[in-house]
Amino acid sequence: MTRTKNFALGETYDGILSDLVREGRFETETEAVKAGLRMLADHEMRVQSLRQAIGAADQEIASGLGQEYRSATDLLADVMADDDRR
């Protein structure tokens, strides 16, 4: 069941929505808001995934599985080589 939401966006965001519809990017302001919410949900999922990866890396480091680098250049070279292998 769809519920109607009432909220004030302020002039800036109201203008953005109006422009998006007027320029034909979206047929309705509701479609534009839904697209924005999808992007926000996607962003939040990516942030959660990154937090999990950081937690896993922290655990590996705590377990002694980390690798120390002598310089930022050495680290960058390793990262670039790993990227090339993918």
PDB file of N, CA and C in Angstrom:
ATOM      1  N   MET A   1       0.837  -1.179   0.000  1.00  0.00           N
ATOM      2  CA  MET A   1       0.000   0.000   0.000  1.00  0.00           C
ATOM      3  C   MET A   1       0.886   1.248   0.000  1.00  0.00           C
ATOM      4  N   THR A   2       0.641   2.134  -0.906  1.00  0.00           N
ATOM      5  CA  THR A   2       1.406   3.371  -1.011  1.00  0.00           C
ATOM      6  C   THR A   2       0.796   4.415  -0.091  1.00  0.00           C
ATOM      7  N   ARG A   3       1.674   5.056   0.684  1.00  0.00           N
ATOM      8  CA  ARG A   3       1.220   6.129   1.571  1.00  0.00           C
ATOM      9  C   ARG A   3       1.671   7.456   0.998  1.00  0.00           C
ATOM     10  N   THR A   4       0.828   8.444   1.134  1.00  0.00           N
ATOM     11  CA  THR A   4       1.179   9.787   0.691  1.00  0.00           C
ATOM     12  C   THR A   4       2.076  10.425   1.737  1.00  0.00           C
ATOM     13  N   LYS A   5       3.138  11.059   1.285  1.00  0.00           N
ATOM     14  CA  LYS A   5       4.072  11.748   2.166  1.00  0.00           C
ATOM     15  C   LYS A   5       3.971  13.241   1.892  1.00  0.00           C
ATOM     16  N   ASN A   6       3.955  14.001   2.932  1.00  0.00           N
ATOM     17  CA  ASN A   6       3.962  15.454   2.795  1.00  0.00           C
ATOM     18  C   ASN A   6       5.186  15.997   3.504  1.00  0.00           C
ATOM     19  N   PHE A   7       5.993  16.762   2.776  1.00  0.00           N
ATOM     20  CA  PHE A   7       7.166  17.371   3.378  1.00  0.00           C
ATOM     21  C   PHE A   7       7.573  18.579   2.561  1.00  0.00           C
ATOM     22  N   ALA A   8       8.308  19.460   3.211  1.00  0.00           N
ATOM     23  CA  ALA A   8       8.778  20.670   2.545  1.00  0.00           C
ATOM     24  C   ALA A   8      10.245  20.489   2.183  1.00  0.00           C
ATOM     25  N   LEU A   9      10.584  20.749   0.946  1.00  0.00           N
ATOM     26  CA  LEU A   9      11.959  20.590   0.474  1.00  0.00           C
ATOM     27  C   LEU A   9      12.772  21.866   0.574  1.00  0.00           C
ATOM     28  N   GLY A  10      12.124  22.970   0.593  1.00  0.00           N
ATOM     29  CA  GLY A  10      12.829  24.245   0.524  1.00  0.00           C
ATOM     30  C   GLY A  10      12.968  24.665  -0.924  1.00  0.00           C
ATOM     31  N   GLU A  11      13.274  25.922  -1.101  1.00  0.00           N
ATOM     32  CA  GLU A  11      13.306  26.490  -2.452  1.00  0.00           C
ATOM     33  C   GLU A  11      14.324  25.821  -3.363  1.00  0.00           C
ATOM     34  N   THR A  12      15.497  25.518  -2.838  1.00  0.00           N
ATOM     35  CA  THR A  12      16.556  24.947  -3.682  1.00  0.00           C
ATOM     36  C   THR A  12      16.134  23.611  -4.271  1.00  0.00           C
ATOM     37  N   TYR A  13      15.701  22.688  -3.419  1.00  0.00           N
ATOM     38  CA  TYR A  13      15.350  21.353  -3.901  1.00  0.00           C
ATOM     39  C   TYR A  13      14.036  21.356  -4.673  1.00  0.00           C
ATOM     40  N   ASP A  14      13.118  22.223  -4.291  1.00  0.00           N
ATOM     41  CA  ASP A  14      11.877  22.357  -5.044  1.00  0.00           C
ATOM     42  C   ASP A  14      12.179  22.817  -6.465  1.00  0.00           C
ATOM     43  N   GLY A  15      13.117  23.754  -6.583  1.00  0.00           N
ATOM     44  CA  GLY A  15      13.516  24.231  -7.906  1.00  0.00           C
ATOM     45  C   GLY A  15      14.192  23.145  -8.725  1.00  0.00           C
ATOM     46  N   ILE A  16      15.022  22.353  -8.075  1.00  0.00           N
ATOM     47  CA  ILE A  16      15.691  21.250  -8.775  1.00  0.00           C
ATOM     48  C   ILE A  16      14.662  20.267  -9.316  1.00  0.00           C
ATOM     49  N   LEU A  17      13.683  19.903  -8.490  1.00  0.00           N
ATOM     50  CA  LEU A  17      12.645  18.976  -8.945  1.00  0.00           C
ATOM     51  C   LEU A  17      11.872  19.551 -10.118  1.00  0.00           C
ATOM     52  N   SER A  18      11.503  20.792 -10.007  1.00  0.00           N
ATOM     53  CA  SER A  18      10.754  21.439 -11.097  1.00  0.00           C
ATOM     54  C   SER A  18      11.561  21.440 -12.386  1.00  0.00           C
ATOM     55  N   ASP A  19      12.844  21.752 -12.273  1.00  0.00           N
ATOM     56  CA  ASP A  19      13.716  21.770 -13.455  1.00  0.00           C
ATOM     57  C   ASP A  19      13.824  20.387 -14.086  1.00  0.00           C
ATOM     58  N   LEU A  20      13.964  19.370 -13.268  1.00  0.00           N
ATOM     59  CA  LEU A  20      14.093  18.006 -13.796  1.00  0.00           C
ATOM     60  C   LEU A  20      12.865  17.592 -14.596  1.00  0.00           C
ATOM     61  N   VAL A  21      11.698  17.968 -14.116  1.00  0.00           N
ATOM     62  CA  VAL A  21      10.465  17.634 -14.829  1.00  0.00           C
ATOM     63  C   VAL A  21      10.317  18.527 -16.061  1.00  0.00           C
ATOM     64  N   ARG A  22      10.560  19.811 -15.921  1.00  0.00           N
ATOM     65  CA  ARG A  22      10.407  20.743 -17.046  1.00  0.00           C
ATOM     66  C   ARG A  22      11.341  20.387 -18.195  1.00  0.00           C
ATOM     67  N   GLU A  23      12.562  19.964 -17.852  1.00  0.00           N
ATOM     68  CA  GLU A  23      13.540  19.616 -18.882  1.00  0.00           C
ATOM     69  C   GLU A  23      13.322  18.221 -19.466  1.00  0.00           C
ATOM     70  N   GLY A  24      12.339  17.498 -18.944  1.00  0.00           N
ATOM     71  CA  GLY A  24      11.998  16.192 -19.497  1.00  0.00           C
ATOM     72  C   GLY A  24      12.802  15.031 -18.957  1.00  0.00           C
ATOM     73  N   ARG A  25      13.623  15.272 -17.975  1.00  0.00           N
ATOM     74  CA  ARG A  25      14.428  14.179 -17.395  1.00  0.00           C
ATOM     75  C   ARG A  25      13.523  13.171 -16.686  1.00  0.00           C
ATOM     76  N   PHE A  26      12.475  13.670 -16.036  1.00  0.00           N
ATOM     77  CA  PHE A  26      11.474  12.834 -15.372  1.00  0.00           C
ATOM     78  C   PHE A  26      10.099  13.342 -15.757  1.00  0.00           C
ATOM     79  N   GLU A  27       9.115  12.431 -15.764  1.00  0.00           N
ATOM     80  CA  GLU A  27       7.752  12.852 -16.093  1.00  0.00           C
ATOM     81  C   GLU A  27       7.073  13.532 -14.915  1.00  0.00           C
ATOM     82  N   THR A  28       7.424  13.106 -13.699  1.00  0.00           N
ATOM     83  CA  THR A  28       6.818  13.695 -12.506  1.00  0.00           C
ATOM     84  C   THR A  28       7.886  13.929 -11.448  1.00  0.00           C
ATOM     85  N   GLU A  29       7.566  14.806 -10.515  1.00  0.00           N
ATOM     86  CA  GLU A  29       8.475  15.049  -9.403  1.00  0.00           C
ATOM     87  C   GLU A  29       8.614  13.791  -8.543  1.00  0.00           C
ATOM     88  N   THR A  30       7.555  13.015  -8.438  1.00  0.00           N
ATOM     89  CA  THR A  30       7.607  11.768  -7.671  1.00  0.00           C
ATOM     90  C   THR A  30       8.651  10.824  -8.252  1.00  0.00           C
ATOM     91  N   GLU A  31       8.697  10.711  -9.591  1.00  0.00           N
ATOM     92  CA  GLU A  31       9.706   9.859 -10.228  1.00  0.00           C
ATOM     93  C   GLU A  31      11.112  10.340  -9.889  1.00  0.00           C
ATOM     94  N   ALA A  32      11.314  11.644  -9.879  1.00  0.00           N
ATOM     95  CA  ALA A  32      12.625  12.193  -9.559  1.00  0.00           C
ATOM     96  C   ALA A  32      13.005  11.892  -8.116  1.00  0.00           C
ATOM     97  N   VAL A  33      12.065  12.031  -7.201  1.00  0.00           N
ATOM     98  CA  VAL A  33      12.332  11.728  -5.792  1.00  0.00           C
ATOM     99  C   VAL A  33      12.653  10.246  -5.628  1.00  0.00           C
ATOM    100  N   LYS A  34      11.911   9.387  -6.288  1.00  0.00           N
ATOM    101  CA  LYS A  34      12.176   7.944  -6.206  1.00  0.00           C
ATOM    102  C   LYS A  34      13.570   7.621  -6.737  1.00  0.00           C
ATOM    103  N   ALA A  35      13.966   8.260  -7.826  1.00  0.00           N
ATOM    104  CA  ALA A  35      15.309   8.028  -8.373  1.00  0.00           C
ATOM    105  C   ALA A  35      16.369   8.458  -7.363  1.00  0.00           C
ATOM    106  N   GLY A  36      16.142   9.595  -6.721  1.00  0.00           N
ATOM    107  CA  GLY A  36      17.081  10.064  -5.706  1.00  0.00           C
ATOM    108  C   GLY A  36      17.164   9.105  -4.531  1.00  0.00           C
ATOM    109  N   LEU A  37      16.036   8.569  -4.116  1.00  0.00           N
ATOM    110  CA  LEU A  37      16.033   7.607  -3.010  1.00  0.00           C
ATOM    111  C   LEU A  37      16.730   6.307  -3.401  1.00  0.00           C
ATOM    112  N   ARG A  38      16.570   5.881  -4.660  1.00  0.00           N
ATOM    113  CA  ARG A  38      17.294   4.686  -5.122  1.00  0.00           C
ATOM    114  C   ARG A  38      18.800   4.924  -5.062  1.00  0.00           C
ATOM    115  N   MET A  39      19.226   6.113  -5.489  1.00  0.00           N
ATOM    116  CA  MET A  39      20.652   6.441  -5.436  1.00  0.00           C
ATOM    117  C   MET A  39      21.146   6.466  -4.001  1.00  0.00           C
ATOM    118  N   LEU A  40      20.360   7.017  -3.098  1.00  0.00           N
ATOM    119  CA  LEU A  40      20.734   7.056  -1.686  1.00  0.00           C
ATOM    120  C   LEU A  40      20.828   5.647  -1.115  1.00  0.00           C
ATOM    121  N   ALA A  41      19.870   4.784  -1.446  1.00  0.00           N
ATOM    122  CA  ALA A  41      19.903   3.404  -0.968  1.00  0.00           C
ATOM    123  C   ALA A  41      21.143   2.688  -1.494  1.00  0.00           C
ATOM    124  N   ASP A  42      21.477   2.905  -2.763  1.00  0.00           N
ATOM    125  CA  ASP A  42      22.674   2.304  -3.351  1.00  0.00           C
ATOM    126  C   ASP A  42      23.930   2.801  -2.637  1.00  0.00           C
ATOM    127  N   HIS A  43      23.983   4.088  -2.378  1.00  0.00           N
ATOM    128  CA  HIS A  43      25.126   4.677  -1.671  1.00  0.00           C
ATOM    129  C   HIS A  43      25.259   4.061  -0.271  1.00  0.00           C
ATOM    130  N   GLU A  44      24.154   3.936   0.424  1.00  0.00           N
ATOM    131  CA  GLU A  44      24.186   3.368   1.775  1.00  0.00           C
ATOM    132  C   GLU A  44      24.658   1.918   1.758  1.00  0.00           C
ATOM    133  N   MET A  45      24.251   1.145   0.754  1.00  0.00           N
ATOM    134  CA  MET A  45      24.709  -0.241   0.639  1.00  0.00           C
ATOM    135  C   MET A  45      26.209  -0.290   0.392  1.00  0.00           C
ATOM    136  N   ARG A  46      26.715   0.616  -0.436  1.00  0.00           N
ATOM    137  CA  ARG A  46      28.155   0.670  -0.701  1.00  0.00           C
ATOM    138  C   ARG A  46      28.931   1.050   0.556  1.00  0.00           C
ATOM    139  N   VAL A  47      28.416   2.000   1.308  1.00  0.00           N
ATOM    140  CA  VAL A  47      29.075   2.403   2.559  1.00  0.00           C
ATOM    141  C   VAL A  47      29.102   1.233   3.526  1.00  0.00           C
ATOM    142  N   GLN A  48      28.000   0.522   3.640  1.00  0.00           N
ATOM    143  CA  GLN A  48      27.950  -0.646   4.528  1.00  0.00           C
ATOM    144  C   GLN A  48      28.949  -1.708   4.080  1.00  0.00           C
ATOM    145  N   SER A  49      29.044  -1.932   2.785  1.00  0.00           N
ATOM    146  CA  SER A  49      29.997  -2.906   2.252  1.00  0.00           C
ATOM    147  C   SER A  49      31.430  -2.492   2.556  1.00  0.00           C
ATOM    148  N   LEU A  50      31.731  -1.207   2.383  1.00  0.00           N
ATOM    149  CA  LEU A  50      33.071  -0.711   2.694  1.00  0.00           C
ATOM    150  C   LEU A  50      33.394  -0.865   4.184  1.00  0.00           C
ATOM    151  N   ARG A  51      32.410  -0.572   5.029  1.00  0.00           N
ATOM    152  CA  ARG A  51      32.626  -0.733   6.468  1.00  0.00           C
ATOM    153  C   ARG A  51      32.924  -2.187   6.820  1.00  0.00           C
ATOM    154  N   GLN A  52      32.229  -3.112   6.178  1.00  0.00           N
ATOM    155  CA  GLN A  52      32.484  -4.528   6.419  1.00  0.00           C
ATOM    156  C   GLN A  52      33.885  -4.905   5.949  1.00  0.00           C
ATOM    157  N   ALA A  53      34.290  -4.400   4.784  1.00  0.00           N
ATOM    158  CA  ALA A  53      35.626  -4.698   4.265  1.00  0.00           C
ATOM    159  C   ALA A  53      36.701  -4.116   5.173  1.00  0.00           C
ATOM    160  N   ILE A  54      36.470  -2.921   5.696  1.00  0.00           N
ATOM    161  CA  ILE A  54      37.425  -2.316   6.618  1.00  0.00           C
ATOM    162  C   ILE A  54      37.513  -3.139   7.896  1.00  0.00           C
ATOM    163  N   GLY A  55      36.365  -3.592   8.395  1.00  0.00           N
ATOM    164  CA  GLY A  55      36.356  -4.439   9.594  1.00  0.00           C
ATOM    165  C   GLY A  55      37.128  -5.724   9.378  1.00  0.00           C
ATOM    166  N   ALA A  56      36.933  -6.341   8.212  1.00  0.00           N
ATOM    167  CA  ALA A  56      37.661  -7.575   7.900  1.00  0.00           C
ATOM    168  C   ALA A  56      39.156  -7.315   7.796  1.00  0.00           C
ATOM    169  N   ALA A  57      39.522  -6.196   7.183  1.00  0.00           N
ATOM    170  CA  ALA A  57      40.946  -5.854   7.069  1.00  0.00           C
ATOM    171  C   ALA A  57      41.546  -5.575   8.446  1.00  0.00           C
ATOM    172  N   ASP A  58      40.798  -4.884   9.296  1.00  0.00           N
ATOM    173  CA  ASP A  58      41.276  -4.630  10.656  1.00  0.00           C
ATOM    174  C   ASP A  58      41.517  -5.936  11.405  1.00  0.00           C
ATOM    175  N   GLN A  59      40.641  -6.898  11.209  1.00  0.00           N
ATOM    176  CA  GLN A  59      40.817  -8.202  11.860  1.00  0.00           C
ATOM    177  C   GLN A  59      42.061  -8.915  11.329  1.00  0.00           C
ATOM    178  N   GLU A  60      42.277  -8.831  10.019  1.00  0.00           N
ATOM    179  CA  GLU A  60      43.478  -9.447   9.440  1.00  0.00           C
ATOM    180  C   GLU A  60      44.737  -8.804  10.007  1.00  0.00           C
ATOM    181  N   ILE A  61      44.732  -7.501  10.115  1.00  0.00           N
ATOM    182  CA  ILE A  61      45.897  -6.796  10.659  1.00  0.00           C
ATOM    183  C   ILE A  61      46.114  -7.198  12.101  1.00  0.00           C
ATOM    184  N   ALA A  62      45.039  -7.259  12.887  1.00  0.00           N
ATOM    185  CA  ALA A  62      45.139  -7.660  14.295  1.00  0.00           C
ATOM    186  C   ALA A  62      45.659  -9.086  14.431  1.00  0.00           C
ATOM    187  N   SER A  63      45.401  -9.917  13.430  1.00  0.00           N
ATOM    188  CA  SER A  63      45.873 -11.303  13.444  1.00  0.00           C
ATOM    189  C   SER A  63      47.299 -11.436  12.935  1.00  0.00           C
ATOM    190  N   GLY A  64      47.901 -10.322  12.557  1.00  0.00           N
ATOM    191  CA  GLY A  64      49.276 -10.358  12.064  1.00  0.00           C
ATOM    192  C   GLY A  64      49.401 -10.625  10.581  1.00  0.00           C
ATOM    193  N   LEU A  65      48.314 -10.522   9.843  1.00  0.00           N
ATOM    194  CA  LEU A  65      48.347 -10.814   8.411  1.00  0.00           C
ATOM    195  C   LEU A  65      48.607  -9.575   7.557  1.00  0.00           C
ATOM    196  N   GLY A  66      48.781  -8.431   8.191  1.00  0.00           N
ATOM    197  CA  GLY A  66      49.026  -7.201   7.453  1.00  0.00           C
ATOM    198  C   GLY A  66      50.425  -7.169   6.867  1.00  0.00           C
ATOM    199  N   GLN A  67      50.632  -6.283   5.934  1.00  0.00           N
ATOM    200  CA  GLN A  67      51.934  -6.117   5.301  1.00  0.00           C
ATOM    201  C   GLN A  67      52.384  -4.681   5.486  1.00  0.00           C
ATOM    202  N   GLU A  68      53.585  -4.489   5.936  1.00  0.00           N
ATOM    203  CA  GLU A  68      54.126  -3.145   6.101  1.00  0.00           C
ATOM    204  C   GLU A  68      54.907  -2.760   4.853  1.00  0.00           C
ATOM    205  N   TYR A  69      54.838  -1.480   4.525  1.00  0.00           N
ATOM    206  CA  TYR A  69      55.547  -0.955   3.370  1.00  0.00           C
ATOM    207  C   TYR A  69      56.567   0.070   3.843  1.00  0.00           C
ATOM    208  N   ARG A  70      57.685   0.114   3.149  1.00  0.00           N
ATOM    209  CA  ARG A  70      58.734   1.073   3.517  1.00  0.00           C
ATOM    210  C   ARG A  70      58.371   2.494   3.122  1.00  0.00           C
ATOM    211  N   SER A  71      57.566   2.618   2.078  1.00  0.00           N
ATOM    212  CA  SER A  71      57.215   3.960   1.621  1.00  0.00           C
ATOM    213  C   SER A  71      55.855   3.931   0.931  1.00  0.00           C
ATOM    214  N   ALA A  72      55.313   5.115   0.735  1.00  0.00           N
ATOM    215  CA  ALA A  72      54.052   5.243   0.009  1.00  0.00           C
ATOM    216  C   ALA A  72      54.214   4.770  -1.432  1.00  0.00           C
ATOM    217  N   THR A  73      55.393   4.959  -1.976  1.00  0.00           N
ATOM    218  CA  THR A  73      55.666   4.519  -3.353  1.00  0.00           C
ATOM    219  C   THR A  73      55.562   3.007  -3.461  1.00  0.00           C
ATOM    220  N   ASP A  74      56.113   2.290  -2.465  1.00  0.00           N
ATOM    221  CA  ASP A  74      56.017   0.831  -2.458  1.00  0.00           C
ATOM    222  C   ASP A  74      54.563   0.372  -2.338  1.00  0.00           C
ATOM    223  N   LEU A  75      53.812   1.042  -1.482  1.00  0.00           N
ATOM    224  CA  LEU A  75      52.398   0.714  -1.330  1.00  0.00           C
ATOM    225  C   LEU A  75      51.654   0.939  -2.641  1.00  0.00           C
ATOM    226  N   LEU A  76      51.874   2.086  -3.262  1.00  0.00           N
ATOM    227  CA  LEU A  76      51.213   2.391  -4.520  1.00  0.00           C
ATOM    228  C   LEU A  76      51.567   1.374  -5.599  1.00  0.00           C
ATOM    229  N   ALA A  77      52.828   0.987  -5.672  1.00  0.00           N
ATOM    230  CA  ALA A  77      53.253  -0.002  -6.670  1.00  0.00           C
ATOM    231  C   ALA A  77      52.527  -1.326  -6.451  1.00  0.00           C
ATOM    232  N   ASP A  78      52.362  -1.732  -5.192  1.00  0.00           N
ATOM    233  CA  ASP A  78      51.672  -2.983  -4.883  1.00  0.00           C
ATOM    234  C   ASP A  78      50.193  -2.890  -5.251  1.00  0.00           C
ATOM    235  N   VAL A  79      49.574  -1.765  -4.920  1.00  0.00           N
ATOM    236  CA  VAL A  79      48.164  -1.574  -5.245  1.00  0.00           C
ATOM    237  C   VAL A  79      47.959  -1.585  -6.758  1.00  0.00           C
ATOM    238  N   MET A  80      48.807  -0.890  -7.483  1.00  0.00           N
ATOM    239  CA  MET A  80      48.683  -0.845  -8.946  1.00  0.00           C
ATOM    240  C   MET A  80      48.911  -2.215  -9.559  1.00  0.00           C
ATOM    241  N   ALA A  81      49.872  -2.963  -9.035  1.00  0.00           N
ATOM    242  CA  ALA A  81      50.121  -4.308  -9.551  1.00  0.00           C
ATOM    243  C   ALA A  81      48.922  -5.204  -9.293  1.00  0.00           C
ATOM    244  N   ASP A  82      48.311  -5.056  -8.116  1.00  0.00           N
ATOM    245  CA  ASP A  82      47.123  -5.858  -7.787  1.00  0.00           C
ATOM    246  C   ASP A  82      45.987  -5.495  -8.725  1.00  0.00           C
ATOM    247  N   ASP A  83      45.840  -4.214  -9.033  1.00  0.00           N
ATOM    248  CA  ASP A  83      44.793  -3.764  -9.947  1.00  0.00           C
ATOM    249  C   ASP A  83      45.025  -4.326 -11.341  1.00  0.00           C
ATOM    250  N   ASP A  84      46.268  -4.391 -11.772  1.00  0.00           N
ATOM    251  CA  ASP A  84      46.596  -4.928 -13.093  1.00  0.00           C
ATOM    252  C   ASP A  84      46.288  -6.417 -13.186  1.00  0.00           C
ATOM    253  N   ARG A  85      46.365  -7.128 -12.077  1.00  0.00           N
ATOM    254  CA  ARG A  85      46.106  -8.577 -12.065  1.00  0.00           C
ATOM    255  C   ARG A  85      44.626  -8.897 -12.133  1.00  0.00           C
ATOM    256  N   ARG A  86      43.764  -7.920 -11.900  1.00  0.00           N
ATOM    257  CA  ARG A  86      42.308  -8.180 -11.899  1.00  0.00           C
ATOM    258  C   ARG A  86      41.745  -8.165 -13.268  1.00  0.00           C
TER     259      ARG A  86
END
